[in-house]
Amino acid sequence: MLRYRYRDDYKGGPKILLWGDNPDMGALSAFFRQFASAPREVKLTEIGCTPVANDIVIVTPQHGSHGGIFRVPGKEHTFRWEIDSTHAEQFAEMVEALAVPSRSGHQYLEHLGDRGPIVVMVSCGENDC
């Protein structure tokens, strides 16, 4: 089961953590590929992710040039993750590398150049999330 949560200070700063096993990584990679070809606003819970806290992450097509993940003003546990098609495809490739059976590790899904204050970390087979 793919899970997620927000942590204020995890490995040097604020992170949205997504973690699961190898098949979960395959499903997340497939989501990014689908998003790249047909972007639409979606909550992570709609694609089968389970929050371990009250956090809500909304993935939305990128508008403008910033990209990244940001807390929604006035909503402490709600985050908007702006992704364009190019980043979605790159993220799919990065996460797909974690879908290989028996592979463990993590990837940081960041928008190069226009990085927001929060980083998304995807972890497979690691227990410290």
N, C-alpha and C. Protein backbone atom coordinates (compact mmCIF):
# COMPACT_ATOMS: atom_id res chain seq x y z
N MET A 1 0.84 -1.17 0.00
CA MET A 1 0.00 0.00 0.00
C MET A 1 0.89 1.24 0.00
N LEU A 2 0.72 2.10 -0.97
CA LEU A 2 1.47 3.34 -1.07
C LEU A 2 0.93 4.33 -0.04
N ARG A 3 1.81 4.84 0.81
CA ARG A 3 1.40 5.77 1.86
C ARG A 3 2.14 7.09 1.70
N TYR A 4 1.60 8.12 2.34
CA TYR A 4 2.28 9.41 2.31
C TYR A 4 2.00 10.21 3.57
N ARG A 5 2.91 11.15 3.84
CA ARG A 5 2.74 12.09 4.94
C ARG A 5 3.69 13.24 4.78
N TYR A 6 3.41 14.32 5.49
CA TYR A 6 4.27 15.49 5.50
C TYR A 6 5.08 15.48 6.79
N ARG A 7 6.36 15.83 6.68
CA ARG A 7 7.22 16.00 7.86
C ARG A 7 7.94 17.33 7.74
N ASP A 8 7.85 18.13 8.80
CA ASP A 8 8.47 19.46 8.82
C ASP A 8 9.98 19.44 8.64
N ASP A 9 10.64 18.48 9.28
CA ASP A 9 12.09 18.44 9.23
C ASP A 9 12.54 16.99 9.09
N TYR A 10 12.68 16.56 7.86
CA TYR A 10 13.11 15.21 7.58
C TYR A 10 14.31 15.26 6.66
N LYS A 11 15.44 14.75 7.12
CA LYS A 11 16.67 14.75 6.34
C LYS A 11 16.99 16.14 5.79
N GLY A 12 16.95 17.14 6.66
CA GLY A 12 17.40 18.47 6.29
C GLY A 12 16.35 19.46 5.85
N GLY A 13 15.09 19.13 5.95
CA GLY A 13 14.07 20.11 5.56
C GLY A 13 12.70 19.50 5.43
N PRO A 14 11.73 20.32 5.05
CA PRO A 14 10.36 19.84 4.92
C PRO A 14 10.21 18.91 3.72
N LYS A 15 9.48 17.79 3.94
CA LYS A 15 9.31 16.79 2.88
C LYS A 15 7.89 16.24 2.88
N ILE A 16 7.41 15.95 1.69
CA ILE A 16 6.27 15.05 1.53
C ILE A 16 6.91 13.70 1.22
N LEU A 17 6.63 12.70 2.04
CA LEU A 17 7.19 11.37 1.88
C LEU A 17 6.14 10.45 1.29
N LEU A 18 6.50 9.73 0.25
CA LEU A 18 5.65 8.67 -0.32
C LEU A 18 6.46 7.40 -0.22
N TRP A 19 5.87 6.32 0.33
CA TRP A 19 6.61 5.09 0.45
C TRP A 19 5.72 3.87 0.28
N GLY A 20 6.39 2.80 -0.14
CA GLY A 20 5.68 1.55 -0.37
C GLY A 20 6.64 0.50 -0.86
N ASP A 21 6.09 -0.56 -1.47
CA ASP A 21 6.93 -1.64 -1.98
C ASP A 21 7.10 -1.49 -3.49
N ASN A 22 7.78 -2.46 -4.10
CA ASN A 22 8.08 -2.36 -5.53
C ASN A 22 6.84 -2.25 -6.41
N PRO A 23 5.78 -3.05 -6.20
CA PRO A 23 4.58 -2.87 -7.02
C PRO A 23 3.95 -1.48 -6.84
N ASP A 24 4.05 -0.91 -5.62
CA ASP A 24 3.53 0.44 -5.40
C ASP A 24 4.28 1.45 -6.26
N MET A 25 5.59 1.24 -6.40
CA MET A 25 6.40 2.14 -7.22
C MET A 25 5.98 2.04 -8.69
N GLY A 26 5.65 0.82 -9.12
CA GLY A 26 5.16 0.64 -10.49
C GLY A 26 3.86 1.38 -10.71
N ALA A 27 2.96 1.33 -9.72
CA ALA A 27 1.68 2.03 -9.83
C ALA A 27 1.89 3.55 -9.83
N LEU A 28 2.81 4.04 -9.00
CA LEU A 28 3.08 5.47 -8.96
C LEU A 28 3.71 5.94 -10.27
N SER A 29 4.61 5.15 -10.81
CA SER A 29 5.22 5.48 -12.10
C SER A 29 4.15 5.55 -13.19
N ALA A 30 3.23 4.59 -13.18
CA ALA A 30 2.14 4.58 -14.17
C ALA A 30 1.27 5.83 -14.02
N PHE A 31 1.03 6.25 -12.77
CA PHE A 31 0.26 7.47 -12.56
C PHE A 31 0.95 8.67 -13.20
N PHE A 32 2.27 8.81 -12.97
CA PHE A 32 3.00 9.94 -13.55
C PHE A 32 2.95 9.91 -15.08
N ARG A 33 3.07 8.73 -15.67
CA ARG A 33 2.99 8.62 -17.14
C ARG A 33 1.61 9.03 -17.65
N GLN A 34 0.57 8.59 -16.95
CA GLN A 34 -0.79 8.97 -17.33
C GLN A 34 -0.98 10.47 -17.18
N PHE A 35 -0.46 11.03 -16.09
CA PHE A 35 -0.57 12.46 -15.85
C PHE A 35 0.16 13.24 -16.95
N ALA A 36 1.31 12.72 -17.39
CA ALA A 36 2.08 13.39 -18.45
C ALA A 36 1.29 13.48 -19.74
N SER A 37 0.52 12.44 -20.04
CA SER A 37 -0.22 12.43 -21.30
C SER A 37 -1.60 13.08 -21.19
N ALA A 38 -2.18 13.08 -19.99
CA ALA A 38 -3.52 13.66 -19.81
C ALA A 38 -3.60 14.32 -18.43
N PRO A 39 -2.95 15.49 -18.27
CA PRO A 39 -2.93 16.13 -16.96
C PRO A 39 -4.32 16.55 -16.49
N ARG A 40 -4.58 16.29 -15.22
CA ARG A 40 -5.82 16.72 -14.58
C ARG A 40 -5.56 16.81 -13.09
N GLU A 41 -6.33 17.63 -12.41
CA GLU A 41 -6.17 17.74 -10.97
C GLU A 41 -6.67 16.47 -10.29
N VAL A 42 -5.87 15.94 -9.35
CA VAL A 42 -6.22 14.70 -8.67
C VAL A 42 -5.62 14.70 -7.26
N LYS A 43 -6.34 14.16 -6.30
CA LYS A 43 -5.79 13.97 -4.96
C LYS A 43 -5.05 12.64 -4.95
N LEU A 44 -3.97 12.56 -4.18
CA LEU A 44 -3.22 11.30 -4.11
C LEU A 44 -4.10 10.15 -3.63
N THR A 45 -5.09 10.44 -2.79
CA THR A 45 -5.98 9.37 -2.32
C THR A 45 -6.79 8.77 -3.47
N GLU A 46 -7.03 9.54 -4.54
CA GLU A 46 -7.79 9.04 -5.69
C GLU A 46 -7.01 8.01 -6.50
N ILE A 47 -5.69 7.98 -6.34
CA ILE A 47 -4.89 7.01 -7.08
C ILE A 47 -4.45 5.86 -6.18
N GLY A 48 -5.05 5.76 -4.99
CA GLY A 48 -4.78 4.63 -4.11
C GLY A 48 -3.77 4.89 -3.02
N CYS A 49 -3.29 6.11 -2.86
CA CYS A 49 -2.37 6.43 -1.78
C CYS A 49 -3.15 6.63 -0.49
N THR A 50 -2.57 6.23 0.62
CA THR A 50 -3.21 6.37 1.92
C THR A 50 -2.40 7.32 2.79
N PRO A 51 -3.01 8.40 3.28
CA PRO A 51 -2.28 9.29 4.18
C PRO A 51 -2.18 8.66 5.57
N VAL A 52 -1.05 8.86 6.27
CA VAL A 52 -0.93 8.36 7.63
C VAL A 52 -1.24 9.46 8.64
N ALA A 53 -1.46 10.66 8.17
CA ALA A 53 -1.88 11.78 9.01
C ALA A 53 -3.09 12.41 8.32
N ASN A 54 -3.40 13.63 8.66
CA ASN A 54 -4.54 14.33 8.04
C ASN A 54 -4.14 15.07 6.77
N ASP A 55 -2.98 14.79 6.24
CA ASP A 55 -2.48 15.53 5.09
C ASP A 55 -3.25 15.21 3.81
N ILE A 56 -3.44 16.22 3.01
CA ILE A 56 -4.08 16.09 1.70
C ILE A 56 -3.10 16.65 0.68
N VAL A 57 -2.77 15.86 -0.34
CA VAL A 57 -1.90 16.32 -1.42
C VAL A 57 -2.71 16.29 -2.70
N ILE A 58 -2.75 17.44 -3.36
CA ILE A 58 -3.47 17.59 -4.62
C ILE A 58 -2.44 17.79 -5.72
N VAL A 59 -2.43 16.91 -6.70
CA VAL A 59 -1.53 17.04 -7.84
C VAL A 59 -2.31 17.77 -8.92
N THR A 60 -1.72 18.82 -9.45
CA THR A 60 -2.42 19.65 -10.41
C THR A 60 -1.49 20.01 -11.57
N PRO A 61 -2.03 20.16 -12.77
CA PRO A 61 -1.19 20.60 -13.88
C PRO A 61 -0.54 21.93 -13.53
N GLN A 62 0.69 22.08 -13.90
CA GLN A 62 1.43 23.29 -13.58
C GLN A 62 0.90 24.48 -14.36
N HIS A 63 0.73 25.58 -13.64
CA HIS A 63 0.34 26.85 -14.25
C HIS A 63 1.46 27.84 -13.97
N GLY A 64 2.01 28.44 -14.99
CA GLY A 64 3.13 29.35 -14.79
C GLY A 64 4.43 28.58 -14.83
N SER A 65 5.48 29.15 -14.26
CA SER A 65 6.80 28.54 -14.40
C SER A 65 7.39 28.02 -13.10
N HIS A 66 6.65 28.03 -12.00
CA HIS A 66 7.25 27.67 -10.73
C HIS A 66 7.31 26.17 -10.49
N GLY A 67 6.21 25.50 -10.52
CA GLY A 67 6.20 24.07 -10.22
C GLY A 67 6.57 23.83 -8.76
N GLY A 68 6.53 22.59 -8.36
CA GLY A 68 6.88 22.23 -7.00
C GLY A 68 5.66 22.00 -6.14
N ILE A 69 5.91 21.81 -4.86
CA ILE A 69 4.82 21.54 -3.92
C ILE A 69 4.79 22.61 -2.85
N PHE A 70 3.59 23.09 -2.57
CA PHE A 70 3.42 24.19 -1.64
C PHE A 70 2.22 23.93 -0.75
N ARG A 71 2.28 24.44 0.47
CA ARG A 71 1.14 24.38 1.39
C ARG A 71 0.07 25.33 0.88
N VAL A 72 -1.18 24.91 0.89
CA VAL A 72 -2.29 25.76 0.46
C VAL A 72 -2.52 26.79 1.57
N PRO A 73 -2.48 28.09 1.25
CA PRO A 73 -2.66 29.12 2.28
C PRO A 73 -3.96 28.92 3.06
N GLY A 74 -3.84 29.00 4.38
CA GLY A 74 -5.00 28.87 5.25
C GLY A 74 -5.42 27.45 5.55
N LYS A 75 -4.73 26.47 4.95
CA LYS A 75 -5.08 25.06 5.17
C LYS A 75 -3.80 24.31 5.56
N GLU A 76 -3.62 24.14 6.85
CA GLU A 76 -2.38 23.61 7.39
C GLU A 76 -1.97 22.25 6.84
N HIS A 77 -2.91 21.37 6.55
CA HIS A 77 -2.59 20.01 6.12
C HIS A 77 -2.86 19.75 4.64
N THR A 78 -3.03 20.81 3.85
CA THR A 78 -3.32 20.63 2.43
C THR A 78 -2.18 21.20 1.60
N PHE A 79 -1.73 20.40 0.63
CA PHE A 79 -0.60 20.76 -0.22
C PHE A 79 -1.00 20.66 -1.68
N ARG A 80 -0.49 21.57 -2.50
CA ARG A 80 -0.71 21.54 -3.94
C ARG A 80 0.63 21.27 -4.60
N TRP A 81 0.64 20.19 -5.41
CA TRP A 81 1.86 19.78 -6.12
C TRP A 81 1.66 20.09 -7.59
N GLU A 82 2.33 21.12 -8.06
CA GLU A 82 2.21 21.54 -9.45
C GLU A 82 3.25 20.82 -10.29
N ILE A 83 2.76 20.09 -11.29
CA ILE A 83 3.65 19.31 -12.16
C ILE A 83 3.27 19.56 -13.62
N ASP A 84 4.27 19.75 -14.46
CA ASP A 84 4.00 19.82 -15.89
C ASP A 84 4.29 18.45 -16.51
N SER A 85 3.95 18.28 -17.77
CA SER A 85 4.10 16.99 -18.44
C SER A 85 5.54 16.51 -18.48
N THR A 86 6.48 17.42 -18.69
CA THR A 86 7.88 17.04 -18.76
C THR A 86 8.36 16.47 -17.43
N HIS A 87 8.04 17.16 -16.33
CA HIS A 87 8.44 16.66 -15.01
C HIS A 87 7.73 15.36 -14.68
N ALA A 88 6.46 15.24 -15.03
CA ALA A 88 5.72 14.01 -14.76
C ALA A 88 6.41 12.82 -15.44
N GLU A 89 6.86 13.00 -16.66
CA GLU A 89 7.55 11.92 -17.38
C GLU A 89 8.89 11.61 -16.71
N GLN A 90 9.62 12.64 -16.30
CA GLN A 90 10.90 12.43 -15.60
C GLN A 90 10.67 11.70 -14.28
N PHE A 91 9.64 12.10 -13.54
CA PHE A 91 9.33 11.46 -12.27
C PHE A 91 8.94 10.00 -12.50
N ALA A 92 8.21 9.72 -13.56
CA ALA A 92 7.82 8.34 -13.88
C ALA A 92 9.06 7.47 -14.06
N GLU A 93 10.06 7.98 -14.77
CA GLU A 93 11.29 7.23 -15.00
C GLU A 93 12.05 7.01 -13.70
N MET A 94 12.12 8.04 -12.86
CA MET A 94 12.83 7.93 -11.59
C MET A 94 12.17 6.90 -10.67
N VAL A 95 10.85 6.93 -10.59
CA VAL A 95 10.12 6.02 -9.71
C VAL A 95 10.13 4.61 -10.29
N GLU A 96 10.10 4.50 -11.61
CA GLU A 96 10.12 3.19 -12.25
C GLU A 96 11.38 2.40 -11.88
N ALA A 97 12.48 3.11 -11.66
CA ALA A 97 13.71 2.44 -11.25
C ALA A 97 13.56 1.74 -9.89
N LEU A 98 12.63 2.23 -9.06
CA LEU A 98 12.37 1.62 -7.76
C LEU A 98 11.37 0.47 -7.84
N ALA A 99 10.75 0.29 -9.00
CA ALA A 99 9.74 -0.76 -9.16
C ALA A 99 10.35 -2.13 -9.45
N VAL A 100 11.64 -2.17 -9.71
CA VAL A 100 12.32 -3.44 -9.99
C VAL A 100 12.24 -4.33 -8.75
N PRO A 101 11.80 -5.59 -8.89
CA PRO A 101 11.68 -6.48 -7.73
C PRO A 101 12.96 -6.52 -6.89
N SER A 102 12.77 -6.49 -5.58
CA SER A 102 13.85 -6.55 -4.58
C SER A 102 14.73 -5.31 -4.53
N ARG A 103 14.42 -4.28 -5.28
CA ARG A 103 15.21 -3.06 -5.22
C ARG A 103 14.67 -2.18 -4.10
N SER A 104 15.57 -1.53 -3.40
CA SER A 104 15.16 -0.55 -2.39
C SER A 104 15.95 0.73 -2.63
N GLY A 105 15.45 1.81 -2.07
CA GLY A 105 16.12 3.09 -2.21
C GLY A 105 15.10 4.21 -2.23
N HIS A 106 15.55 5.38 -2.61
CA HIS A 106 14.64 6.53 -2.67
C HIS A 106 15.06 7.48 -3.79
N GLN A 107 14.12 8.32 -4.15
CA GLN A 107 14.33 9.35 -5.17
C GLN A 107 13.73 10.65 -4.65
N TYR A 108 14.38 11.76 -4.97
CA TYR A 108 13.85 13.08 -4.65
C TYR A 108 13.22 13.63 -5.93
N LEU A 109 11.93 13.88 -5.89
CA LEU A 109 11.22 14.39 -7.06
C LEU A 109 11.14 15.90 -6.94
N GLU A 110 12.10 16.58 -7.55
CA GLU A 110 12.21 18.02 -7.45
C GLU A 110 12.11 18.65 -8.82
N HIS A 111 11.62 19.86 -8.83
CA HIS A 111 11.61 20.66 -10.05
C HIS A 111 12.93 21.40 -10.10
N LEU A 112 13.78 21.01 -11.02
CA LEU A 112 15.10 21.64 -11.12
C LEU A 112 14.96 23.09 -11.55
N GLY A 113 15.66 23.96 -10.85
CA GLY A 113 15.62 25.38 -11.18
C GLY A 113 14.57 26.14 -10.40
N ASP A 114 13.33 25.70 -10.43
CA ASP A 114 12.24 26.40 -9.75
C ASP A 114 11.75 25.56 -8.58
N ARG A 115 12.63 25.26 -7.65
CA ARG A 115 12.31 24.38 -6.54
C ARG A 115 11.52 25.11 -5.47
N GLY A 116 10.45 24.50 -5.01
CA GLY A 116 9.66 25.07 -3.94
C GLY A 116 10.28 24.77 -2.59
N PRO A 117 9.66 25.24 -1.53
CA PRO A 117 10.22 25.04 -0.20
C PRO A 117 10.09 23.61 0.31
N ILE A 118 9.23 22.79 -0.30
CA ILE A 118 9.00 21.42 0.15
C ILE A 118 9.48 20.46 -0.95
N VAL A 119 10.18 19.42 -0.55
CA VAL A 119 10.68 18.41 -1.48
C VAL A 119 9.82 17.15 -1.33
N VAL A 120 9.59 16.45 -2.44
CA VAL A 120 8.88 15.18 -2.41
C VAL A 120 9.93 14.07 -2.49
N MET A 121 9.86 13.15 -1.51
CA MET A 121 10.78 12.01 -1.47
C MET A 121 9.97 10.73 -1.60
N VAL A 122 10.33 9.89 -2.57
CA VAL A 122 9.67 8.60 -2.77
C VAL A 122 10.65 7.53 -2.30
N SER A 123 10.14 6.63 -1.44
CA SER A 123 11.00 5.61 -0.85
C SER A 123 10.39 4.22 -1.04
N CYS A 124 11.28 3.27 -1.37
CA CYS A 124 10.85 1.88 -1.55
C CYS A 124 11.74 0.99 -0.69
N GLY A 125 11.11 0.23 0.21
CA GLY A 125 11.86 -0.72 1.03
C GLY A 125 12.68 -0.11 2.13
N GLU A 126 12.48 1.13 2.45
CA GLU A 126 13.18 1.78 3.55
C GLU A 126 12.16 2.00 4.68
N ASN A 127 12.58 1.81 5.89
CA ASN A 127 11.63 1.82 7.00
C ASN A 127 11.66 3.07 7.86
N ASP A 128 12.35 4.10 7.49
CA ASP A 128 12.47 5.26 8.37
C ASP A 128 11.60 6.45 7.96
N CYS A 129 10.55 6.22 7.21
CA CYS A 129 9.68 7.31 6.79
C CYS A 129 8.72 7.68 7.90
